[in-house]
Amino acid sequence: MNQQELTFEQAYRELETTVKRLEHETLPLAEMIALYQRGVDLANYCDQQLDTAVLSVKVLTSSVQLSDRP
């Protein structure tokens, strides 16, 4: 499943699982590198999703503040 098909929550859970596997499992080097790359991709995706959410909140907050002005 690619990142665009994942919700933020799904991607974050997969990232947590990936980190745990890298920290606690003994894997062949090639598999560790692939798993690490997947983790980097998931972290970037989550970061982009958070940036989008923050921007949306800022836009909503500024529009609410503008509408509250007399």
C-alpha atoms as a PDB file:
ATOM      1  CA  MET A   1       0.000   0.000   0.000  1.00  0.00           C
ATOM      2  CA  ASN A   2       1.501   3.370  -0.931  1.00  0.00           C
ATOM      3  CA  GLN A   3       1.335   6.382   1.322  1.00  0.00           C
ATOM      4  CA  GLN A   4      -1.420   8.142  -0.626  1.00  0.00           C
ATOM      5  CA  GLU A   5      -3.774   5.267   0.197  1.00  0.00           C
ATOM      6  CA  LEU A   6      -3.060   5.576   3.923  1.00  0.00           C
ATOM      7  CA  THR A   7      -4.669   7.858   6.435  1.00  0.00           C
ATOM      8  CA  PHE A   8      -2.332   9.757   8.727  1.00  0.00           C
ATOM      9  CA  GLU A   9      -3.202   7.375  11.551  1.00  0.00           C
ATOM     10  CA  GLN A  10      -2.474   4.282   9.454  1.00  0.00           C
ATOM     11  CA  ALA A  11       0.845   5.686   8.266  1.00  0.00           C
ATOM     12  CA  TYR A  12       1.835   6.648  11.813  1.00  0.00           C
ATOM     13  CA  ARG A  13       1.007   3.166  13.137  1.00  0.00           C
ATOM     14  CA  GLU A  14       3.016   1.571  10.346  1.00  0.00           C
ATOM     15  CA  LEU A  15       5.898   3.936  11.122  1.00  0.00           C
ATOM     16  CA  GLU A  16       5.795   2.935  14.798  1.00  0.00           C
ATOM     17  CA  THR A  17       5.828  -0.754  13.823  1.00  0.00           C
ATOM     18  CA  THR A  18       8.707  -0.152  11.424  1.00  0.00           C
ATOM     19  CA  VAL A  19      10.775   1.579  14.098  1.00  0.00           C
ATOM     20  CA  LYS A  20      10.116  -1.241  16.583  1.00  0.00           C
ATOM     21  CA  ARG A  21      11.180  -3.829  14.025  1.00  0.00           C
ATOM     22  CA  LEU A  22      14.383  -1.943  13.275  1.00  0.00           C
ATOM     23  CA  GLU A  23      15.149  -1.587  16.970  1.00  0.00           C
ATOM     24  CA  HIS A  24      14.340  -5.119  18.109  1.00  0.00           C
ATOM     25  CA  GLU A  25      14.681  -7.568  15.217  1.00  0.00           C
ATOM     26  CA  THR A  26      17.772  -9.034  13.662  1.00  0.00           C
ATOM     27  CA  LEU A  27      17.218  -8.754   9.938  1.00  0.00           C
ATOM     28  CA  PRO A  28      19.382  -9.198   6.858  1.00  0.00           C
ATOM     29  CA  LEU A  29      21.066  -5.953   5.807  1.00  0.00           C
ATOM     30  CA  ALA A  30      19.068  -5.595   2.583  1.00  0.00           C
ATOM     31  CA  GLU A  31      15.793  -5.997   4.489  1.00  0.00           C
ATOM     32  CA  MET A  32      16.892  -3.475   7.123  1.00  0.00           C
ATOM     33  CA  ILE A  33      17.753  -0.938   4.436  1.00  0.00           C
ATOM     34  CA  ALA A  34      14.391  -1.448   2.711  1.00  0.00           C
ATOM     35  CA  LEU A  35      12.586  -1.179   6.043  1.00  0.00           C
ATOM     36  CA  TYR A  36      14.549   1.962   6.920  1.00  0.00           C
ATOM     37  CA  GLN A  37      13.629   3.521   3.552  1.00  0.00           C
ATOM     38  CA  ARG A  38       9.962   2.688   4.145  1.00  0.00           C
ATOM     39  CA  GLY A  39      10.224   4.362   7.538  1.00  0.00           C
ATOM     40  CA  VAL A  40      11.740   7.489   5.988  1.00  0.00           C
ATOM     41  CA  ASP A  41       8.972   7.576   3.387  1.00  0.00           C
ATOM     42  CA  LEU A  42       6.293   7.158   6.068  1.00  0.00           C
ATOM     43  CA  ALA A  43       7.859   9.845   8.268  1.00  0.00           C
ATOM     44  CA  ASN A  44       7.935  12.266   5.327  1.00  0.00           C
ATOM     45  CA  TYR A  45       4.309  11.468   4.484  1.00  0.00           C
ATOM     46  CA  CYS A  46       3.213  12.013   8.099  1.00  0.00           C
ATOM     47  CA  ASP A  47       5.160  15.270   8.216  1.00  0.00           C
ATOM     48  CA  GLN A  48       3.438  16.497   5.052  1.00  0.00           C
ATOM     49  CA  GLN A  49       0.037  15.545   6.442  1.00  0.00           C
ATOM     50  CA  LEU A  50       0.765  17.433   9.674  1.00  0.00           C
ATOM     51  CA  ASP A  51       1.962  20.491   7.745  1.00  0.00           C
ATOM     52  CA  THR A  52      -1.287  20.458   5.759  1.00  0.00           C
ATOM     53  CA  ALA A  53      -3.336  20.149   8.950  1.00  0.00           C
ATOM     54  CA  VAL A  54      -1.456  23.024  10.614  1.00  0.00           C
ATOM     55  CA  LEU A  55      -2.002  25.220   7.566  1.00  0.00           C
ATOM     56  CA  SER A  56      -5.721  24.380   7.569  1.00  0.00           C
ATOM     57  CA  VAL A  57      -6.006  25.300  11.246  1.00  0.00           C
ATOM     58  CA  LYS A  58      -4.171  28.586  10.633  1.00  0.00           C
ATOM     59  CA  VAL A  59      -6.498  29.449   7.752  1.00  0.00           C
ATOM     60  CA  LEU A  60      -9.570  28.582   9.796  1.00  0.00           C
ATOM     61  CA  THR A  61      -8.287  30.515  12.804  1.00  0.00           C
ATOM     62  CA  SER A  62      -7.528  33.608  10.750  1.00  0.00           C
ATOM     63  CA  SER A  63     -10.919  33.508   9.039  1.00  0.00           C
ATOM     64  CA  VAL A  64     -12.666  33.200  12.409  1.00  0.00           C
ATOM     65  CA  GLN A  65     -10.649  36.127  13.780  1.00  0.00           C
ATOM     66  CA  LEU A  66     -11.524  38.246  10.728  1.00  0.00           C
ATOM     67  CA  SER A  67     -15.225  37.451  11.042  1.00  0.00           C
ATOM     68  CA  ASP A  68     -15.179  38.416  14.734  1.00  0.00           C
ATOM     69  CA  ARG A  69     -14.064  41.960  13.940  1.00  0.00           C
ATOM     70  CA  PRO A  70     -16.721  44.667  14.175  1.00  0.00           C
END
